[in-house]
């Protein structure tokens, strides 16, 4: 069981890392892109827009916390 817990902690740290908000925004962007693609709408443009927006929000939060 300890190996399973270590495996889970590794993936939590790898995916979530220090900022859970970034992970949530990326997951939301992927989900919205998938929903748009499933609806037959060209959604290739959403992730390239979500990346700089997520970076900007993350940096803004980091600057305000110092």
C-alpha atoms as a PDB file:
ATOM      1  CA  UNK A   1       0.000   0.000   0.000  1.00  0.00           C
ATOM      2  CA  UNK A   2       2.882   2.402   0.597  1.00  0.00           C
ATOM      3  CA  UNK A   3       4.011   2.054  -3.012  1.00  0.00           C
ATOM      4  CA  UNK A   4       0.506   2.860  -4.184  1.00  0.00           C
ATOM      5  CA  UNK A   5       0.404   5.912  -1.916  1.00  0.00           C
ATOM      6  CA  UNK A   6       3.829   7.030  -3.158  1.00  0.00           C
ATOM      7  CA  UNK A   7       2.647   6.602  -6.746  1.00  0.00           C
ATOM      8  CA  UNK A   8      -0.421   8.712  -6.018  1.00  0.00           C
ATOM      9  CA  UNK A   9       1.642  11.412  -4.277  1.00  0.00           C
ATOM     10  CA  UNK A  10       4.008  11.536  -7.246  1.00  0.00           C
ATOM     11  CA  UNK A  11       1.204  12.108  -9.731  1.00  0.00           C
ATOM     12  CA  UNK A  12      -0.509  14.632  -7.454  1.00  0.00           C
ATOM     13  CA  UNK A  13       2.731  16.589  -7.177  1.00  0.00           C
ATOM     14  CA  UNK A  14       3.449  16.262 -10.890  1.00  0.00           C
ATOM     15  CA  UNK A  15       0.024  17.317 -12.133  1.00  0.00           C
ATOM     16  CA  UNK A  16      -1.105  19.722  -9.408  1.00  0.00           C
ATOM     17  CA  UNK A  17       2.307  20.901  -8.252  1.00  0.00           C
ATOM     18  CA  UNK A  18       2.478  24.165  -6.371  1.00  0.00           C
ATOM     19  CA  UNK A  19      -0.518  25.849  -7.957  1.00  0.00           C
ATOM     20  CA  UNK A  20      -3.818  23.988  -8.061  1.00  0.00           C
ATOM     21  CA  UNK A  21      -5.475  26.912  -9.835  1.00  0.00           C
ATOM     22  CA  UNK A  22      -3.293  26.441 -12.917  1.00  0.00           C
ATOM     23  CA  UNK A  23      -4.097  22.727 -12.970  1.00  0.00           C
ATOM     24  CA  UNK A  24      -7.817  23.487 -12.693  1.00  0.00           C
ATOM     25  CA  UNK A  25      -7.694  26.077 -15.486  1.00  0.00           C
ATOM     26  CA  UNK A  26      -5.825  23.702 -17.788  1.00  0.00           C
ATOM     27  CA  UNK A  27      -8.303  20.911 -17.035  1.00  0.00           C
ATOM     28  CA  UNK A  28     -11.207  23.289 -17.700  1.00  0.00           C
ATOM     29  CA  UNK A  29      -9.670  24.446 -20.989  1.00  0.00           C
ATOM     30  CA  UNK A  30      -9.190  20.847 -22.109  1.00  0.00           C
ATOM     31  CA  UNK A  31     -12.772  19.987 -21.109  1.00  0.00           C
ATOM     32  CA  UNK A  32     -14.248  22.973 -22.959  1.00  0.00           C
ATOM     33  CA  UNK A  33     -12.134  22.184 -26.022  1.00  0.00           C
ATOM     34  CA  UNK A  34     -13.366  18.585 -25.964  1.00  0.00           C
ATOM     35  CA  UNK A  35     -16.984  19.704 -25.571  1.00  0.00           C
ATOM     36  CA  UNK A  36     -16.709  22.139 -28.465  1.00  0.00           C
ATOM     37  CA  UNK A  37     -15.043  19.513 -30.660  1.00  0.00           C
ATOM     38  CA  UNK A  38     -17.747  16.983 -29.774  1.00  0.00           C
ATOM     39  CA  UNK A  39     -20.368  19.533 -30.803  1.00  0.00           C
ATOM     40  CA  UNK A  40     -18.703  19.850 -34.189  1.00  0.00           C
ATOM     41  CA  UNK A  41     -17.245  23.305 -33.568  1.00  0.00           C
ATOM     42  CA  UNK A  42     -13.636  23.950 -34.558  1.00  0.00           C
ATOM     43  CA  UNK A  43     -11.952  24.344 -31.188  1.00  0.00           C
ATOM     44  CA  UNK A  44      -8.267  24.377 -32.124  1.00  0.00           C
ATOM     45  CA  UNK A  45      -7.983  28.025 -31.060  1.00  0.00           C
ATOM     46  CA  UNK A  46      -9.082  27.603 -27.445  1.00  0.00           C
ATOM     47  CA  UNK A  47      -5.984  25.993 -25.917  1.00  0.00           C
ATOM     48  CA  UNK A  48      -3.527  28.475 -27.473  1.00  0.00           C
ATOM     49  CA  UNK A  49      -5.618  31.261 -25.901  1.00  0.00           C
ATOM     50  CA  UNK A  50      -5.937  29.488 -22.559  1.00  0.00           C
ATOM     51  CA  UNK A  51      -2.180  29.032 -22.093  1.00  0.00           C
ATOM     52  CA  UNK A  52      -1.175  32.723 -21.955  1.00  0.00           C
ATOM     53  CA  UNK A  53      -4.297  33.564 -19.952  1.00  0.00           C
ATOM     54  CA  UNK A  54      -3.420  30.894 -17.399  1.00  0.00           C
ATOM     55  CA  UNK A  55       0.188  32.100 -17.253  1.00  0.00           C
ATOM     56  CA  UNK A  56      -0.949  35.692 -16.773  1.00  0.00           C
ATOM     57  CA  UNK A  57      -3.318  34.751 -13.946  1.00  0.00           C
ATOM     58  CA  UNK A  58      -0.650  32.647 -12.252  1.00  0.00           C
ATOM     59  CA  UNK A  59       1.949  35.411 -12.465  1.00  0.00           C
ATOM     60  CA  UNK A  60      -0.536  38.007 -11.236  1.00  0.00           C
ATOM     61  CA  UNK A  61      -1.324  35.876  -8.186  1.00  0.00           C
ATOM     62  CA  UNK A  62       2.383  35.332  -7.520  1.00  0.00           C
ATOM     63  CA  UNK A  63       3.197  39.034  -7.741  1.00  0.00           C
ATOM     64  CA  UNK A  64       0.334  39.998  -5.429  1.00  0.00           C
ATOM     65  CA  UNK A  65       1.359  37.440  -2.799  1.00  0.00           C
ATOM     66  CA  UNK A  66       4.866  38.879  -2.372  1.00  0.00           C
END
